[in-house]
């Protein structure tokens, strides 16, 4: 998967797909979510930039290793939603 959207990245992670992401040079605010998610899950190497083009070999994303970090992030998000539930 090649994406420049947060939702494209998130769906790729949930479905455990190999993906690469590119930042939008026009929309800086949209980039922050991509960059934060990549940083939290140690997926910065999936960014398409000069370093990407300099490297011929790319390792596949190790979802077994990523799973605990992702689960922790999901739990944090769910807790936030529960704590801020209205009604």
PDB file of N, CA and C in Angstrom:
ATOM      1  N   UNK A   1       0.851  -1.166   0.000  1.00  0.00           N
ATOM      2  CA  UNK A   1       0.000   0.000   0.000  1.00  0.00           C
ATOM      3  C   UNK A   1       0.897   1.229   0.000  1.00  0.00           C
ATOM      4  N   UNK A   2       0.539   2.191  -0.788  1.00  0.00           N
ATOM      5  CA  UNK A   2       1.204   3.494  -0.798  1.00  0.00           C
ATOM      6  C   UNK A   2       0.146   4.520  -0.424  1.00  0.00           C
ATOM      7  N   UNK A   3       0.394   5.296   0.647  1.00  0.00           N
ATOM      8  CA  UNK A   3      -0.621   6.221   1.127  1.00  0.00           C
ATOM      9  C   UNK A   3      -0.001   7.542   1.564  1.00  0.00           C
ATOM     10  N   UNK A   4      -0.830   8.560   1.547  1.00  0.00           N
ATOM     11  CA  UNK A   4      -0.437   9.850   2.128  1.00  0.00           C
ATOM     12  C   UNK A   4      -1.495  10.285   3.141  1.00  0.00           C
ATOM     13  N   UNK A   5      -2.336   9.342   3.556  1.00  0.00           N
ATOM     14  CA  UNK A   5      -3.388   9.669   4.516  1.00  0.00           C
ATOM     15  C   UNK A   5      -3.223   8.877   5.810  1.00  0.00           C
ATOM     16  N   UNK A   6      -3.629   9.496   6.897  1.00  0.00           N
ATOM     17  CA  UNK A   6      -3.604   8.841   8.201  1.00  0.00           C
ATOM     18  C   UNK A   6      -4.461   7.583   8.173  1.00  0.00           C
ATOM     19  N   UNK A   7      -5.659   7.696   7.593  1.00  0.00           N
ATOM     20  CA  UNK A   7      -6.568   6.550   7.574  1.00  0.00           C
ATOM     21  C   UNK A   7      -6.019   5.412   6.727  1.00  0.00           C
ATOM     22  N   UNK A   8      -5.328   5.733   5.649  1.00  0.00           N
ATOM     23  CA  UNK A   8      -4.694   4.702   4.832  1.00  0.00           C
ATOM     24  C   UNK A   8      -3.614   3.970   5.615  1.00  0.00           C
ATOM     25  N   UNK A   9      -2.845   4.732   6.393  1.00  0.00           N
ATOM     26  CA  UNK A   9      -1.810   4.115   7.218  1.00  0.00           C
ATOM     27  C   UNK A   9      -2.443   3.263   8.310  1.00  0.00           C
ATOM     28  N   UNK A  10      -3.446   3.809   8.996  1.00  0.00           N
ATOM     29  CA  UNK A  10      -4.091   3.083  10.091  1.00  0.00           C
ATOM     30  C   UNK A  10      -4.723   1.780   9.594  1.00  0.00           C
ATOM     31  N   UNK A  11      -5.407   1.833   8.472  1.00  0.00           N
ATOM     32  CA  UNK A  11      -6.036   0.633   7.919  1.00  0.00           C
ATOM     33  C   UNK A  11      -4.983  -0.395   7.508  1.00  0.00           C
ATOM     34  N   UNK A  12      -3.895   0.067   6.945  1.00  0.00           N
ATOM     35  CA  UNK A  12      -2.802  -0.845   6.571  1.00  0.00           C
ATOM     36  C   UNK A  12      -2.260  -1.561   7.799  1.00  0.00           C
ATOM     37  N   UNK A  13      -2.140  -0.834   8.908  1.00  0.00           N
ATOM     38  CA  UNK A  13      -1.641  -1.435  10.145  1.00  0.00           C
ATOM     39  C   UNK A  13      -2.647  -2.432  10.696  1.00  0.00           C
ATOM     40  N   UNK A  14      -3.914  -2.060  10.760  1.00  0.00           N
ATOM     41  CA  UNK A  14      -4.955  -2.952  11.284  1.00  0.00           C
ATOM     42  C   UNK A  14      -5.015  -4.240  10.462  1.00  0.00           C
ATOM     43  N   UNK A  15      -4.892  -4.116   9.141  1.00  0.00           N
ATOM     44  CA  UNK A  15      -4.957  -5.284   8.254  1.00  0.00           C
ATOM     45  C   UNK A  15      -3.602  -5.951   8.043  1.00  0.00           C
ATOM     46  N   UNK A  16      -2.568  -5.423   8.738  1.00  0.00           N
ATOM     47  CA  UNK A  16      -1.205  -5.970   8.680  1.00  0.00           C
ATOM     48  C   UNK A  16      -0.674  -6.056   7.253  1.00  0.00           C
ATOM     49  N   UNK A  17      -0.843  -4.970   6.522  1.00  0.00           N
ATOM     50  CA  UNK A  17      -0.350  -4.890   5.141  1.00  0.00           C
ATOM     51  C   UNK A  17       0.990  -4.170   5.117  1.00  0.00           C
ATOM     52  N   UNK A  18       1.811  -4.548   4.168  1.00  0.00           N
ATOM     53  CA  UNK A  18       3.044  -3.800   3.947  1.00  0.00           C
ATOM     54  C   UNK A  18       2.653  -2.470   3.314  1.00  0.00           C
ATOM     55  N   UNK A  19       3.203  -1.375   3.817  1.00  0.00           N
ATOM     56  CA  UNK A  19       2.822  -0.074   3.293  1.00  0.00           C
ATOM     57  C   UNK A  19       3.997   0.892   3.340  1.00  0.00           C
ATOM     58  N   UNK A  20       3.868   1.937   2.571  1.00  0.00           N
ATOM     59  CA  UNK A  20       4.777   3.068   2.579  1.00  0.00           C
ATOM     60  C   UNK A  20       3.918   4.319   2.604  1.00  0.00           C
ATOM     61  N   UNK A  21       4.443   5.362   3.233  1.00  0.00           N
ATOM     62  CA  UNK A  21       3.678   6.603   3.278  1.00  0.00           C
ATOM     63  C   UNK A  21       4.533   7.771   2.801  1.00  0.00           C
ATOM     64  N   UNK A  22       3.838   8.751   2.274  1.00  0.00           N
ATOM     65  CA  UNK A  22       4.465   9.972   1.787  1.00  0.00           C
ATOM     66  C   UNK A  22       3.747  11.137   2.451  1.00  0.00           C
ATOM     67  N   UNK A  23       4.495  12.179   2.767  1.00  0.00           N
ATOM     68  CA  UNK A  23       3.895  13.356   3.392  1.00  0.00           C
ATOM     69  C   UNK A  23       3.439  14.336   2.333  1.00  0.00           C
ATOM     70  N   UNK A  24       2.335  14.990   2.612  1.00  0.00           N
ATOM     71  CA  UNK A  24       1.774  15.993   1.708  1.00  0.00           C
ATOM     72  C   UNK A  24       2.498  17.313   1.954  1.00  0.00           C
ATOM     73  N   UNK A  25       3.148  17.850   0.945  1.00  0.00           N
ATOM     74  CA  UNK A  25       3.915  19.082   1.131  1.00  0.00           C
ATOM     75  C   UNK A  25       3.021  20.304   1.285  1.00  0.00           C
ATOM     76  N   UNK A  26       1.751  20.203   0.932  1.00  0.00           N
ATOM     77  CA  UNK A  26       0.826  21.335   1.001  1.00  0.00           C
ATOM     78  C   UNK A  26       0.055  21.402   2.317  1.00  0.00           C
ATOM     79  N   UNK A  27      -0.139  20.270   2.981  1.00  0.00           N
ATOM     80  CA  UNK A  27      -1.011  20.210   4.160  1.00  0.00           C
ATOM     81  C   UNK A  27      -0.210  19.756   5.377  1.00  0.00           C
ATOM     82  N   UNK A  28       0.474  20.667   6.007  1.00  0.00           N
ATOM     83  CA  UNK A  28       1.322  20.320   7.139  1.00  0.00           C
ATOM     84  C   UNK A  28       0.539  19.709   8.304  1.00  0.00           C
ATOM     85  N   UNK A  29      -0.673  20.178   8.570  1.00  0.00           N
ATOM     86  CA  UNK A  29      -1.442  19.655   9.698  1.00  0.00           C
ATOM     87  C   UNK A  29      -1.805  18.186   9.520  1.00  0.00           C
ATOM     88  N   UNK A  30      -2.090  17.751   8.317  1.00  0.00           N
ATOM     89  CA  UNK A  30      -2.406  16.346   8.073  1.00  0.00           C
ATOM     90  C   UNK A  30      -1.185  15.458   8.282  1.00  0.00           C
ATOM     91  N   UNK A  31      -0.019  16.004   8.057  1.00  0.00           N
ATOM     92  CA  UNK A  31       1.201  15.218   8.208  1.00  0.00           C
ATOM     93  C   UNK A  31       1.469  14.827   9.651  1.00  0.00           C
ATOM     94  N   UNK A  32       1.076  15.662  10.597  1.00  0.00           N
ATOM     95  CA  UNK A  32       1.418  15.400  11.991  1.00  0.00           C
ATOM     96  C   UNK A  32       0.847  14.071  12.478  1.00  0.00           C
ATOM     97  N   UNK A  33      -0.343  13.717  12.047  1.00  0.00           N
ATOM     98  CA  UNK A  33      -0.928  12.437  12.477  1.00  0.00           C
ATOM     99  C   UNK A  33      -0.151  11.258  11.896  1.00  0.00           C
ATOM    100  N   UNK A  34       0.251  11.371  10.644  1.00  0.00           N
ATOM    101  CA  UNK A  34       1.064  10.317  10.023  1.00  0.00           C
ATOM    102  C   UNK A  34       2.392  10.174  10.750  1.00  0.00           C
ATOM    103  N   UNK A  35       3.038  11.294  10.980  1.00  0.00           N
ATOM    104  CA  UNK A  35       4.352  11.271  11.619  1.00  0.00           C
ATOM    105  C   UNK A  35       4.278  10.749  13.053  1.00  0.00           C
ATOM    106  N   UNK A  36       3.241  11.146  13.783  1.00  0.00           N
ATOM    107  CA  UNK A  36       3.091  10.687  15.162  1.00  0.00           C
ATOM    108  C   UNK A  36       2.832   9.185  15.217  1.00  0.00           C
ATOM    109  N   UNK A  37       1.931   8.689  14.400  1.00  0.00           N
ATOM    110  CA  UNK A  37       1.641   7.255  14.379  1.00  0.00           C
ATOM    111  C   UNK A  37       2.878   6.462  13.988  1.00  0.00           C
ATOM    112  N   UNK A  38       3.585   6.923  12.980  1.00  0.00           N
ATOM    113  CA  UNK A  38       4.808   6.236  12.556  1.00  0.00           C
ATOM    114  C   UNK A  38       5.847   6.234  13.678  1.00  0.00           C
ATOM    115  N   UNK A  39       5.973   7.346  14.389  1.00  0.00           N
ATOM    116  CA  UNK A  39       6.947   7.447  15.469  1.00  0.00           C
ATOM    117  C   UNK A  39       6.592   6.528  16.632  1.00  0.00           C
ATOM    118  N   UNK A  40       5.331   6.550  17.047  1.00  0.00           N
ATOM    119  CA  UNK A  40       4.892   5.733  18.183  1.00  0.00           C
ATOM    120  C   UNK A  40       5.082   4.241  17.903  1.00  0.00           C
ATOM    121  N   UNK A  41       4.870   3.837  16.663  1.00  0.00           N
ATOM    122  CA  UNK A  41       4.968   2.416  16.302  1.00  0.00           C
ATOM    123  C   UNK A  41       6.302   2.061  15.651  1.00  0.00           C
ATOM    124  N   UNK A  42       7.251   2.989  15.674  1.00  0.00           N
ATOM    125  CA  UNK A  42       8.577   2.762  15.078  1.00  0.00           C
ATOM    126  C   UNK A  42       8.486   2.355  13.612  1.00  0.00           C
ATOM    127  N   UNK A  43       7.696   3.086  12.859  1.00  0.00           N
ATOM    128  CA  UNK A  43       7.509   2.791  11.437  1.00  0.00           C
ATOM    129  C   UNK A  43       8.034   3.911  10.538  1.00  0.00           C
ATOM    130  N   UNK A  44       8.924   4.749  11.074  1.00  0.00           N
ATOM    131  CA  UNK A  44       9.456   5.857  10.281  1.00  0.00           C
ATOM    132  C   UNK A  44      10.172   5.376   9.025  1.00  0.00           C
ATOM    133  N   UNK A  45      10.676   4.157   9.055  1.00  0.00           N
ATOM    134  CA  UNK A  45      11.397   3.618   7.895  1.00  0.00           C
ATOM    135  C   UNK A  45      10.482   3.393   6.696  1.00  0.00           C
ATOM    136  N   UNK A  46       9.166   3.458   6.921  1.00  0.00           N
ATOM    137  CA  UNK A  46       8.217   3.260   5.828  1.00  0.00           C
ATOM    138  C   UNK A  46       7.947   4.554   5.059  1.00  0.00           C
ATOM    139  N   UNK A  47       8.532   5.657   5.527  1.00  0.00           N
ATOM    140  CA  UNK A  47       8.347   6.946   4.867  1.00  0.00           C
ATOM    141  C   UNK A  47       9.130   6.991   3.565  1.00  0.00           C
ATOM    142  N   UNK A  48       8.484   7.504   2.540  1.00  0.00           N
ATOM    143  CA  UNK A  48       9.146   7.670   1.248  1.00  0.00           C
ATOM    144  C   UNK A  48       9.803   9.044   1.258  1.00  0.00           C
ATOM    145  N   UNK A  49      11.127   9.053   1.240  1.00  0.00           N
ATOM    146  CA  UNK A  49      11.907  10.286   1.218  1.00  0.00           C
ATOM    147  C   UNK A  49      13.255   9.985   0.578  1.00  0.00           C
ATOM    148  N   UNK A  50      14.205  10.866   0.719  1.00  0.00           N
ATOM    149  CA  UNK A  50      15.514  10.637   0.116  1.00  0.00           C
ATOM    150  C   UNK A  50      16.170   9.361   0.636  1.00  0.00           C
ATOM    151  N   UNK A  51      15.989   9.077   1.929  1.00  0.00           N
ATOM    152  CA  UNK A  51      16.560   7.856   2.501  1.00  0.00           C
ATOM    153  C   UNK A  51      15.925   6.618   1.883  1.00  0.00           C
ATOM    154  N   UNK A  52      14.622   6.704   1.585  1.00  0.00           N
ATOM    155  CA  UNK A  52      13.926   5.588   0.948  1.00  0.00           C
ATOM    156  C   UNK A  52      14.555   5.272  -0.400  1.00  0.00           C
ATOM    157  N   UNK A  53      14.794   6.319  -1.179  1.00  0.00           N
ATOM    158  CA  UNK A  53      15.342   6.114  -2.508  1.00  0.00           C
ATOM    159  C   UNK A  53      16.805   5.685  -2.466  1.00  0.00           C
ATOM    160  N   UNK A  54      17.503   6.022  -1.382  1.00  0.00           N
ATOM    161  CA  UNK A  54      18.907   5.625  -1.242  1.00  0.00           C
ATOM    162  C   UNK A  54      19.032   4.144  -0.890  1.00  0.00           C
ATOM    163  N   UNK A  55      17.997   3.586  -0.300  1.00  0.00           N
ATOM    164  CA  UNK A  55      18.029   2.191   0.130  1.00  0.00           C
ATOM    165  C   UNK A  55      17.315   1.309  -0.884  1.00  0.00           C
ATOM    166  N   UNK A  56      18.015   0.309  -1.377  1.00  0.00           N
ATOM    167  CA  UNK A  56      17.403  -0.632  -2.315  1.00  0.00           C
ATOM    168  C   UNK A  56      16.623  -1.725  -1.585  1.00  0.00           C
ATOM    169  N   UNK A  57      17.137  -2.153  -0.438  1.00  0.00           N
ATOM    170  CA  UNK A  57      16.519  -3.262   0.291  1.00  0.00           C
ATOM    171  C   UNK A  57      15.605  -2.731   1.385  1.00  0.00           C
ATOM    172  N   UNK A  58      14.397  -3.236   1.421  1.00  0.00           N
ATOM    173  CA  UNK A  58      13.435  -2.864   2.453  1.00  0.00           C
ATOM    174  C   UNK A  58      12.986  -4.120   3.171  1.00  0.00           C
ATOM    175  N   UNK A  59      13.058  -4.068   4.483  1.00  0.00           N
ATOM    176  CA  UNK A  59      12.558  -5.199   5.258  1.00  0.00           C
ATOM    177  C   UNK A  59      11.048  -5.081   5.393  1.00  0.00           C
ATOM    178  N   UNK A  60      10.393  -6.206   5.433  1.00  0.00           N
ATOM    179  CA  UNK A  60       8.945  -6.205   5.654  1.00  0.00           C
ATOM    180  C   UNK A  60       8.654  -5.783   7.088  1.00  0.00           C
ATOM    181  N   UNK A  61       7.490  -5.199   7.271  1.00  0.00           N
ATOM    182  CA  UNK A  61       7.068  -4.793   8.610  1.00  0.00           C
ATOM    183  C   UNK A  61       6.840  -6.049   9.439  1.00  0.00           C
ATOM    184  N   UNK A  62       7.439  -6.089  10.613  1.00  0.00           N
ATOM    185  CA  UNK A  62       7.284  -7.218  11.512  1.00  0.00           C
ATOM    186  C   UNK A  62       6.088  -6.939  12.428  1.00  0.00           C
ATOM    187  N   UNK A  63       4.931  -7.418  12.023  1.00  0.00           N
ATOM    188  CA  UNK A  63       3.715  -7.147  12.789  1.00  0.00           C
ATOM    189  C   UNK A  63       3.684  -7.885  14.118  1.00  0.00           C
ATOM    190  N   UNK A  64       4.401  -8.977  14.249  1.00  0.00           N
ATOM    191  CA  UNK A  64       4.479  -9.667  15.548  1.00  0.00           C
ATOM    192  C   UNK A  64       5.165  -8.769  16.570  1.00  0.00           C
ATOM    193  N   UNK A  65       6.179  -8.066  16.135  1.00  0.00           N
ATOM    194  CA  UNK A  65       6.918  -7.154  17.002  1.00  0.00           C
ATOM    195  C   UNK A  65       6.123  -5.868  17.246  1.00  0.00           C
ATOM    196  N   UNK A  66       5.360  -5.453  16.272  1.00  0.00           N
ATOM    197  CA  UNK A  66       4.590  -4.220  16.349  1.00  0.00           C
ATOM    198  C   UNK A  66       3.330  -4.373  17.206  1.00  0.00           C
ATOM    199  N   UNK A  67       2.790  -5.571  17.281  1.00  0.00           N
ATOM    200  CA  UNK A  67       1.503  -5.822  17.929  1.00  0.00           C
ATOM    201  C   UNK A  67       1.398  -5.262  19.356  1.00  0.00           C
ATOM    202  N   UNK A  68       2.360  -5.494  20.255  1.00  0.00           N
ATOM    203  CA  UNK A  68       2.228  -4.951  21.621  1.00  0.00           C
ATOM    204  C   UNK A  68       2.142  -3.426  21.661  1.00  0.00           C
ATOM    205  N   UNK A  69       2.900  -2.749  20.833  1.00  0.00           N
ATOM    206  CA  UNK A  69       2.861  -1.287  20.782  1.00  0.00           C
ATOM    207  C   UNK A  69       1.503  -0.809  20.270  1.00  0.00           C
ATOM    208  N   UNK A  70       0.996  -1.497  19.267  1.00  0.00           N
ATOM    209  CA  UNK A  70      -0.294  -1.130  18.688  1.00  0.00           C
ATOM    210  C   UNK A  70      -1.424  -1.354  19.692  1.00  0.00           C
ATOM    211  N   UNK A  71      -1.386  -2.460  20.407  1.00  0.00           N
ATOM    212  CA  UNK A  71      -2.411  -2.750  21.402  1.00  0.00           C
ATOM    213  C   UNK A  71      -2.400  -1.701  22.511  1.00  0.00           C
ATOM    214  N   UNK A  72      -1.219  -1.286  22.931  1.00  0.00           N
ATOM    215  CA  UNK A  72      -1.098  -0.254  23.964  1.00  0.00           C
ATOM    216  C   UNK A  72      -1.695   1.065  23.467  1.00  0.00           C
ATOM    217  N   UNK A  73      -1.444   1.402  22.224  1.00  0.00           N
ATOM    218  CA  UNK A  73      -1.990   2.618  21.633  1.00  0.00           C
ATOM    219  C   UNK A  73      -3.516   2.544  21.536  1.00  0.00           C
ATOM    220  N   UNK A  74      -4.044   1.376  21.165  1.00  0.00           N
ATOM    221  CA  UNK A  74      -5.496   1.193  21.096  1.00  0.00           C
ATOM    222  C   UNK A  74      -6.131   1.336  22.473  1.00  0.00           C
ATOM    223  N   UNK A  75      -5.506   0.756  23.491  1.00  0.00           N
ATOM    224  CA  UNK A  75      -6.031   0.854  24.852  1.00  0.00           C
ATOM    225  C   UNK A  75      -6.052   2.307  25.324  1.00  0.00           C
ATOM    226  N   UNK A  76      -5.007   3.041  25.026  1.00  0.00           N
ATOM    227  CA  UNK A  76      -4.931   4.456  25.408  1.00  0.00           C
ATOM    228  C   UNK A  76      -6.044   5.253  24.725  1.00  0.00           C
ATOM    229  N   UNK A  77      -6.276   4.981  23.452  1.00  0.00           N
ATOM    230  CA  UNK A  77      -7.326   5.673  22.702  1.00  0.00           C
ATOM    231  C   UNK A  77      -8.703   5.334  23.242  1.00  0.00           C
ATOM    232  N   UNK A  78      -8.934   4.071  23.534  1.00  0.00           N
ATOM    233  CA  UNK A  78     -10.224   3.644  24.075  1.00  0.00           C
ATOM    234  C   UNK A  78     -10.473   4.271  25.440  1.00  0.00           C
ATOM    235  N   UNK A  79      -9.459   4.310  26.276  1.00  0.00           N
ATOM    236  CA  UNK A  79      -9.587   4.952  27.591  1.00  0.00           C
ATOM    237  C   UNK A  79      -9.948   6.422  27.452  1.00  0.00           C
ATOM    238  N   UNK A  80      -9.324   7.095  26.513  1.00  0.00           N
ATOM    239  CA  UNK A  80      -9.638   8.506  26.274  1.00  0.00           C
ATOM    240  C   UNK A  80     -11.104   8.676  25.892  1.00  0.00           C
ATOM    241  N   UNK A  81     -11.584   7.823  25.000  1.00  0.00           N
ATOM    242  CA  UNK A  81     -12.984   7.930  24.566  1.00  0.00           C
ATOM    243  C   UNK A  81     -13.950   7.645  25.714  1.00  0.00           C
ATOM    244  N   UNK A  82     -13.655   6.654  26.513  1.00  0.00           N
ATOM    245  CA  UNK A  82     -14.515   6.307  27.653  1.00  0.00           C
ATOM    246  C   UNK A  82     -14.514   7.438  28.679  1.00  0.00           C
ATOM    247  N   UNK A  83     -13.341   7.994  28.954  1.00  0.00           N
ATOM    248  CA  UNK A  83     -13.231   9.069  29.949  1.00  0.00           C
ATOM    249  C   UNK A  83     -13.916  10.353  29.507  1.00  0.00           C
ATOM    250  N   UNK A  84     -14.052  10.539  28.201  1.00  0.00           N
ATOM    251  CA  UNK A  84     -14.634  11.779  27.674  1.00  0.00           C
ATOM    252  C   UNK A  84     -16.012  11.565  27.046  1.00  0.00           C
ATOM    253  N   UNK A  85     -16.625  10.453  27.388  1.00  0.00           N
ATOM    254  CA  UNK A  85     -17.958  10.132  26.877  1.00  0.00           C
ATOM    255  C   UNK A  85     -18.975  11.090  27.483  1.00  0.00           C
ATOM    256  N   UNK A  86     -19.840  11.603  26.633  1.00  0.00           N
ATOM    257  CA  UNK A  86     -20.894  12.491  27.111  1.00  0.00           C
ATOM    258  C   UNK A  86     -22.168  11.697  27.362  1.00  0.00           C
ATOM    259  N   UNK A  87     -22.899  12.139  28.344  1.00  0.00           N
ATOM    260  CA  UNK A  87     -24.196  11.528  28.586  1.00  0.00           C
ATOM    261  C   UNK A  87     -24.173  10.630  29.707  1.00  0.00           C
TER     262      UNK A  87
END
